[in-house]
Amino acid sequence: MFKKILKAEPYIIAEIGANHNGNFNKACFLIKSAKKAGCDAVKFQSWDENLNCLSYYKKNKKVLFDYIKYKLNFKKLKKLRSLAKRLKIDFGTTPFTSVQLKEAIKLKCDFIKIASMDLNNYPFIEEVSKIKNNLIISTGFSNMEEIKYASNIIKKRKKRNVLFLHCVGLYPPKSEKFINLNNMETIKKITGYEVGFSDHTKWIETPMTASALGAKVIEKHFTFDKKAKGWDHAVSADFTEMKTLVTATKKIYKLRGVLERKLSKEEIEKSKIMRRSITIKKEVKKNQMIRYNDLDLQRPGLGIPPTHLKKILNKKTKKKLAVGEILKWSDVK
C-alpha cells in the first residue's frame, strides 16, 4: 500500500474532515464525489467533544455544540470505510486519542493521519510509531526541532512506511509568503522520510506548485458546497475544483521527468529532419581541397553534423560534388 502511495505521483487525499457537518448521507456523498473527481483517497477525523477541556467549553458553548453535532462515531466510520472499499477509493482517518487510534486500526485504514496539532504530542507519536499501518504526519504549527524530534521517535522503531506533510496551520493563509513550499525539501532532509503537502489555501496554484516540486502526497479539504455553514468549507475544493486539481497535479508531476538528460527515440528520429548537415555550397572537383567557402550548413540532418565542420576543412574529395549535395564521410579522404 505504501508503494502505491509513492507511485501515485502524487497521491491525492480528499480531506473530508468535518465537511459532512455530522450528516452521514453527506459523508457518503462526499466519498462518491471524491471518487468521481479522481482522488486516490478520502480522509475523515475521529475526534469527539473530549478534544477540548471543560473550562474552554464553558466560555465557548457554541464550539461544544459544533463538536457534538459534527462528530462521527466508530459505527458510522466503519460504514464509510466499507463504502470506500466498494468504490475502490482508499480510506484514512485522523485519531486524536489512544482509543480512537485502536478504532482506526480496527477499520483497517489504508493510512492513519496524525494532525498538525499533535506533532509535539510526543507520547502519542511514540504510540503511533508502534503501529504497522501507513502513517502520514502533518507539520503545521511545528518548528524544525519539533519535526526532527518526532521523526527520531519513529526512526527508533525502524518504521519506514511514514510520510510527512508540509503544512501551514492557517485557514486560509492570507499571503503567498506564508506557504514556503521549499520547506518540503527541508523536511525531507531532516526526517529522512518522503514528503507531501497539506493545502489550506484557496489557490489552485498552490497544490500544482507543490506537485511541480515533487510532493508525493497532496491533501486538500473537500466539500459539497464552499458556501455551506461549517468549519472548513471556505478553504475546501468543491467537485469541479478537485477534478481540475487531480488532473493538473498528476500531469505536472509527470512533466517533472528525471534528472538525466536523455533524448527519446522520437526526438532522435525527428532531429534527422530538423537539424543541419554539412552541404556543398560551391561545386567541388575530385581531389580538390575543401575550403570553408565551399560549404554550407543546411537541413536535413542526414549527413555530417556541423560539429564536425573543422574536421572536414582541408580534406580532399574522392569525387566531384555538386551544389546542394549533402556531404558524407565517404566523399572525403
Foldseek 3Di string as FASTA:
>chain_A
DLVCCQPLLAQEEAEQELQCQLPLVQLLVQLVLCVVLPHQAYEYEQDALVPDDPVVCVVVVVVSVSRHRRHDHLVSVLVSLVSNVVSNHFYEYEYDDPVVVVSRVVSVHQEYEHEQVCLQVQVVLLVVLPDLHQYEYENAPHDPVSLLVSLVSSVVSVHANYEYAYEHPDQADPDPVRRPLVVQVVSCVSNVHHYAYEHNAQDLVVNLVRSLVPHRYYYFHEHCALPDDDDRSVSGDYSVSSSVSSVRSSVSNVVNPDPDDDDDPVVVVVLQFVFWAKFAAAKDAAFGFDAPVRIDIGDDNNAHHPVCVVVRGRWGFHGIHHHGGGDHPNGTD
